[in-house]
């Protein structure tokens, strides 16, 4: 994500949630799925490039994981709030 220059330093946050119970097409295959929630303002092309670059890098890092996927969702700046903004 940092190499795309779409984000300011310190803006990228990562949370990992392992699943004990899941069903992936009736298999128990390992998987990685990224839910990328980003502030609105990037183009479809930028988001598509971001998705492809992340999956490409994860494929290199985890060659034995059969399922690696991502979806990117925009959230509105006007409705975003955190503790420091109140």
Protein backbone atom coordinates (compact mmCIF):
# COMPACT_ATOMS: atom_id res chain seq x y z
CA UNK A 1 0.00 0.00 0.00
CA UNK A 2 2.82 2.39 0.84
CA UNK A 3 4.43 1.97 -2.59
CA UNK A 4 1.28 3.21 -4.37
CA UNK A 5 1.64 6.75 -2.95
CA UNK A 6 -2.15 6.83 -2.42
CA UNK A 7 -1.80 7.21 1.35
CA UNK A 8 0.01 9.58 3.69
CA UNK A 9 2.59 8.23 6.11
CA UNK A 10 0.83 6.77 9.14
CA UNK A 11 -2.56 6.46 7.43
CA UNK A 12 -2.32 2.71 6.81
CA UNK A 13 -3.68 0.56 9.61
CA UNK A 14 -3.84 -3.24 9.61
CA UNK A 15 -6.02 -5.50 11.72
CA UNK A 16 -5.91 -9.28 11.47
CA UNK A 17 -8.92 -11.38 12.43
CA UNK A 18 -8.39 -15.13 12.19
CA UNK A 19 -11.53 -17.21 11.72
CA UNK A 20 -12.03 -20.42 13.70
CA UNK A 21 -15.21 -21.31 11.79
CA UNK A 22 -15.60 -20.67 8.08
CA UNK A 23 -16.80 -22.25 4.86
CA UNK A 24 -15.02 -21.57 1.59
CA UNK A 25 -16.87 -23.46 -1.11
CA UNK A 26 -17.28 -26.46 1.19
CA UNK A 27 -13.53 -26.71 1.80
CA UNK A 28 -11.28 -26.01 4.74
CA UNK A 29 -8.60 -24.47 2.52
CA UNK A 30 -6.55 -21.68 4.01
CA UNK A 31 -7.42 -18.24 2.73
CA UNK A 32 -6.57 -14.57 3.01
CA UNK A 33 -9.24 -11.98 2.31
CA UNK A 34 -8.57 -8.29 2.66
CA UNK A 35 -11.41 -5.91 3.51
CA UNK A 36 -9.84 -2.59 2.58
CA UNK A 37 -11.82 0.37 3.86
CA UNK A 38 -10.32 3.57 2.51
CA UNK A 39 -11.28 7.23 2.58
CA UNK A 40 -13.16 8.31 -0.55
CA UNK A 41 -11.27 10.19 -3.24
CA UNK A 42 -9.38 7.59 -5.24
CA UNK A 43 -10.34 6.71 -8.80
CA UNK A 44 -11.58 3.29 -9.87
CA UNK A 45 -8.29 2.82 -11.72
CA UNK A 46 -6.26 3.63 -8.59
CA UNK A 47 -8.31 1.20 -6.50
CA UNK A 48 -8.04 -1.52 -9.13
CA UNK A 49 -4.26 -1.06 -9.26
CA UNK A 50 -4.10 -1.15 -5.46
CA UNK A 51 -6.07 -4.44 -5.36
CA UNK A 52 -3.86 -6.10 -7.95
CA UNK A 53 -0.64 -4.96 -6.29
CA UNK A 54 -1.70 -6.21 -2.87
CA UNK A 55 -2.81 -9.62 -4.17
CA UNK A 56 0.37 -9.92 -6.24
CA UNK A 57 2.54 -9.24 -3.19
CA UNK A 58 0.54 -11.63 -1.00
CA UNK A 59 0.90 -14.38 -3.63
CA UNK A 60 4.67 -14.00 -3.35
CA UNK A 61 4.59 -13.97 0.45
CA UNK A 62 2.16 -16.90 0.82
CA UNK A 63 2.56 -19.16 -2.25
CA UNK A 64 0.84 -22.12 -0.55
CA UNK A 65 -2.37 -20.23 0.32
CA UNK A 66 -4.87 -21.20 -2.41
CA UNK A 67 -7.33 -18.33 -1.92
CA UNK A 68 -6.16 -14.71 -1.77
CA UNK A 69 -8.65 -11.94 -2.47
CA UNK A 70 -9.48 -8.32 -1.69
CA UNK A 71 -12.34 -5.89 -1.95
CA UNK A 72 -11.97 -2.16 -1.50
CA UNK A 73 -14.74 -0.04 -0.03
CA UNK A 74 -14.80 3.74 0.17
CA UNK A 75 -16.10 5.51 3.23
CA UNK A 76 -17.28 9.10 3.27
CA UNK A 77 -15.07 11.75 4.81
CA UNK A 78 -18.14 13.68 5.99
CA UNK A 79 -19.42 10.77 8.09
CA UNK A 80 -16.07 9.60 9.46
CA UNK A 81 -15.29 10.42 13.07
CA UNK A 82 -12.66 9.32 15.54
CA UNK A 83 -11.82 10.21 19.13
CA UNK A 84 -9.50 13.07 18.27
CA UNK A 85 -12.20 14.75 16.16
CA UNK A 86 -14.69 15.06 19.04
